[in-house]
Every structure is written in structure tokens, then in C-alpha cells.
Amino acid sequence: MSPLRILGIASIALWLAGCGGTLPQRTGYDRRTGTWKPAPGGSRKTATSPKPPVSEPKVAQNPPGAEPAPGEDSTIKPSPPASGEVMRGEASYYGKELAGRPTASGEIFDPDLLTCAHRTLPFQTHLRVRYPKKGTSVEVRVNDRGPRKPQRIIDLSRAAADDLGLTADGIGQVEVEILP
């Protein structure tokens, strides 16, 4: 073998060995922690760092421009929604494609349970969802976050959508009442 050929093969081998040491090993993005999941059995750190924790939104206690009283905190945490409050908007449902996967609350999603996803309501909040088009209603429990589409206010489990008669339509206008 000629010296040039040996040098070329050695260069390629060194280049491949060097590249393998710098590539991050990751298998998928974890939305709950905001990081990449490491490869199984891998002990190297990934190239990304975790996101800082998201703080609660602050609501001004005093009117704009007013000074807080001495010793008074100028912010308060928003209070949970009152029982009986009614929201109106579009609903959809999600079914068997997510069965067995963890929800945002950590509970495993079961499409046969009467559950739903809401963007801001606390987990375990009970809701009555009415579908005026069919004259039906169902009680559900919030155990996930969503929906992703901005025009929708709630995503229902397949069982809840079946009880409402929403599965045939796919999407529908509903009234959501917060229960005590």
C-alpha cells in the first residue's frame, strides 16, 4: 500500500473518532423538564441545559401608578376561578393515540375516563360540559394541559366526547361550568 493511501485512511479514521466524541447523545425532547432525554446507558451530559422554572404570573394589587403601602406586597397570586363560572367556546377531543402516555398532571391517560385538558384550571377541577347542539352534558375532571389550538377552550377524552355526542362532529361549541 502506498504511503498516501495509508495517510488518507488514517486521516478518515481520526476524523470519525473525533466526531463521535463531540456529538450529543439524545433520544427525544422532554416537555415536562425542558431538556433532551439522554441516550440509554449514556453517562455524558447533553448539549442543552434545563430551562429555568416558570414563575406564577403576578397580578398588580394596586391600580397602575399607585404606590404600595409600606410593608405591603405589591403583587398577589391570582385566585382560582369561582364555582359556577361559565366559559363558552370550541371543544375537541383526543382519543386512543395518546392512551397510556402520562398527562401533564402525571396521571396516565385513559381515553375511557371522563377527563379533559384545560390551559389554566388547576388539576382535579371538576367541570360540567354542555353541548347545546345535541342538548347533552357530561361531568369531567381536569388532568392535562391543552388544547394546543388557540381557538379551543377544552380538549375532552374520547369517553367524554362520546357521552356528549361530539365524536361525530369532531369539534363543537360548548359551555363549560366550573363545579364546586
Protein backbone atom coordinates (compact mmCIF):
# COMPACT_ATOMS: atom_id res chain seq x y z
CA MET A 1 0.00 0.00 0.00
CA SER A 2 1.25 3.47 -0.84
CA PRO A 3 2.05 5.94 1.96
CA LEU A 4 -0.56 8.39 0.60
CA ARG A 5 -3.29 5.78 0.84
CA ILE A 6 -2.30 4.87 4.42
CA LEU A 7 -2.26 8.57 5.34
CA GLY A 8 -5.74 9.05 3.81
CA ILE A 9 -7.21 6.08 5.69
CA ALA A 10 -5.61 7.24 8.96
CA SER A 11 -6.99 10.78 8.44
CA ILE A 12 -10.52 9.49 7.89
CA ALA A 13 -10.28 7.21 10.95
CA LEU A 14 -9.06 10.10 13.14
CA TRP A 15 -11.80 12.39 11.81
CA LEU A 16 -14.52 9.80 12.52
CA ALA A 17 -13.14 9.14 16.01
CA GLY A 18 -13.10 12.88 16.74
CA CYS A 19 -16.66 13.41 15.51
CA GLY A 20 -18.05 10.60 17.61
CA GLY A 21 -16.79 12.22 20.79
CA THR A 22 -18.48 15.57 20.14
CA LEU A 23 -21.93 14.53 19.03
CA PRO A 24 -24.55 14.88 21.77
CA GLN A 25 -26.38 11.68 22.59
CA ARG A 26 -30.07 12.42 22.89
CA THR A 27 -33.19 10.47 22.21
CA GLY A 28 -36.01 13.00 22.44
CA TYR A 29 -37.20 16.23 23.98
CA ASP A 30 -38.93 16.05 27.37
CA ARG A 31 -41.53 18.86 27.54
CA ARG A 32 -42.04 18.47 31.30
CA THR A 33 -38.42 19.24 32.19
CA GLY A 34 -37.47 21.25 29.09
CA THR A 35 -34.40 19.10 28.38
CA TRP A 36 -33.28 16.42 25.98
CA LYS A 37 -33.50 12.85 27.28
CA PRO A 38 -30.07 11.17 27.39
CA ALA A 39 -29.37 8.01 25.42
CA PRO A 40 -29.93 4.79 27.37
CA GLY A 41 -26.78 3.88 29.30
CA GLY A 42 -25.08 7.11 28.31
CA SER A 43 -23.34 8.98 31.08
CA ARG A 44 -22.39 12.08 29.09
CA LYS A 45 -24.23 15.33 29.63
CA THR A 46 -26.31 16.66 26.76
CA ALA A 47 -25.56 19.86 24.92
CA THR A 48 -28.64 21.63 26.28
CA SER A 49 -29.28 22.94 29.76
CA PRO A 50 -32.61 22.80 31.62
CA LYS A 51 -34.96 25.76 31.39
CA PRO A 52 -35.36 27.90 34.48
CA PRO A 53 -38.58 27.26 36.43
CA VAL A 54 -41.57 29.30 35.29
CA SER A 55 -42.87 31.60 38.00
CA GLU A 56 -46.53 32.21 38.77
CA PRO A 57 -47.99 35.20 36.90
CA LYS A 58 -48.18 38.26 39.11
CA VAL A 59 -51.24 40.46 39.26
CA ALA A 60 -50.93 44.04 40.45
CA GLN A 61 -52.80 44.65 43.70
CA ASN A 62 -52.81 48.43 43.42
CA PRO A 63 -54.02 50.48 40.44
CA PRO A 64 -51.34 51.47 37.92
CA GLY A 65 -49.25 54.36 39.16
CA ALA A 66 -50.24 53.90 42.83
CA GLU A 67 -47.54 53.19 45.38
CA PRO A 68 -47.94 50.12 47.63
CA ALA A 69 -48.44 50.80 51.32
CA PRO A 70 -45.32 50.37 53.50
CA GLY A 71 -44.69 46.67 54.16
CA GLU A 72 -47.36 45.64 51.65
CA ASP A 73 -46.52 43.21 48.85
CA SER A 74 -47.35 44.83 45.50
CA THR A 75 -48.30 41.51 43.90
CA ILE A 76 -50.82 38.79 44.65
CA LYS A 77 -51.37 35.36 43.20
CA PRO A 78 -54.47 35.00 41.04
CA SER A 79 -57.31 33.29 42.85
CA PRO A 80 -58.80 30.07 41.49
CA PRO A 81 -61.94 30.53 39.39
CA ALA A 82 -65.22 30.63 41.27
CA SER A 83 -67.69 27.74 41.21
CA GLY A 84 -70.48 28.35 38.76
CA GLU A 85 -68.34 30.39 36.36
CA VAL A 86 -69.27 29.52 32.76
CA MET A 87 -66.94 29.65 29.74
CA ARG A 88 -68.13 29.27 26.17
CA GLY A 89 -66.04 28.19 23.22
CA GLU A 90 -64.89 25.41 20.96
CA ALA A 91 -64.11 21.90 22.21
CA SER A 92 -62.42 18.94 20.59
CA TYR A 93 -61.35 15.52 21.81
CA TYR A 94 -58.35 13.24 21.78
CA GLY A 95 -58.55 9.51 21.89
CA LYS A 96 -56.64 6.28 21.63
CA GLU A 97 -53.50 7.73 20.04
CA LEU A 98 -52.34 9.08 23.43
CA ALA A 99 -53.55 6.17 25.59
CA GLY A 100 -51.00 5.02 28.14
CA ARG A 101 -48.92 8.19 27.97
CA PRO A 102 -48.55 10.47 31.00
CA THR A 103 -50.64 13.63 31.13
CA ALA A 104 -49.32 16.96 32.42
CA SER A 105 -50.56 16.02 35.90
CA GLY A 106 -48.52 12.79 35.81
CA GLU A 107 -51.61 10.60 35.55
CA ILE A 108 -51.60 8.01 32.75
CA PHE A 109 -54.11 8.99 30.06
CA ASP A 110 -57.05 6.62 29.67
CA PRO A 111 -59.48 7.57 26.86
CA ASP A 112 -62.25 5.64 28.64
CA LEU A 113 -62.24 8.01 31.67
CA LEU A 114 -64.22 11.26 31.83
CA THR A 115 -61.27 13.67 31.80
CA CYS A 116 -60.19 16.78 29.92
CA ALA A 117 -57.34 19.16 29.19
CA HIS A 118 -57.55 22.87 30.05
CA ARG A 119 -54.83 25.51 29.78
CA THR A 120 -55.12 27.19 33.19
CA LEU A 121 -57.59 25.49 35.54
CA PRO A 122 -55.98 23.56 38.42
CA PHE A 123 -55.68 19.80 38.05
CA GLN A 124 -58.56 17.82 39.61
CA THR A 125 -61.04 20.69 38.96
CA HIS A 126 -64.45 19.23 38.10
CA LEU A 127 -66.35 20.73 35.18
CA ARG A 128 -69.78 20.28 33.62
CA VAL A 129 -69.52 20.47 29.84
CA ARG A 130 -72.76 21.12 27.89
CA TYR A 131 -73.14 20.61 24.16
CA PRO A 132 -76.17 22.76 23.27
CA LYS A 133 -76.35 21.46 19.69
CA LYS A 134 -77.31 17.98 20.99
CA GLY A 135 -78.71 19.03 24.38
CA THR A 136 -76.26 16.81 26.29
CA SER A 137 -73.89 17.35 29.19
CA VAL A 138 -71.13 15.45 31.00
CA GLU A 139 -69.02 15.98 34.13
CA VAL A 140 -65.26 15.77 33.60
CA ARG A 141 -62.09 16.27 35.63
CA VAL A 142 -59.07 18.34 34.51
CA ASN A 143 -55.93 16.17 34.39
CA ASP A 144 -53.98 17.59 31.45
CA ARG A 145 -52.92 20.83 29.77
CA GLY A 146 -54.20 21.91 26.40
CA PRO A 147 -55.67 22.34 23.88
CA ARG A 148 -52.88 23.43 21.57
CA LYS A 149 -55.15 25.19 19.09
CA PRO A 150 -55.74 28.76 20.35
CA GLN A 151 -59.40 28.90 19.28
CA ARG A 152 -60.35 25.93 21.51
CA ILE A 153 -61.02 26.14 25.24
CA ILE A 154 -61.04 22.45 26.17
CA ASP A 155 -59.93 19.02 24.91
CA LEU A 156 -62.08 16.12 26.06
CA SER A 157 -61.26 12.45 26.43
CA ARG A 158 -62.89 10.09 23.94
CA ALA A 159 -65.38 8.84 26.57
CA ALA A 160 -66.49 12.39 27.43
CA ALA A 161 -66.85 13.28 23.73
CA ASP A 162 -68.90 10.09 23.16
CA ASP A 163 -71.24 10.98 26.05
CA LEU A 164 -71.75 14.48 24.60
CA GLY A 165 -72.23 13.28 21.03
CA LEU A 166 -69.21 15.31 19.93
CA THR A 167 -67.26 12.49 18.28
CA ALA A 168 -69.38 12.60 15.13
CA ASP A 169 -68.75 16.34 14.73
CA GLY A 170 -65.13 16.31 15.93
CA ILE A 171 -65.32 19.93 17.11
CA GLY A 172 -68.23 21.82 18.61
CA GLN A 173 -69.33 24.86 20.59
CA VAL A 174 -69.71 24.02 24.28
CA GLU A 175 -70.42 25.65 27.63
CA VAL A 176 -68.04 24.76 30.45
CA GLU A 177 -69.18 25.32 34.04
CA ILE A 178 -66.80 25.06 37.00
CA LEU A 179 -68.27 22.79 39.68
CA PRO A 180 -67.63 23.09 43.43
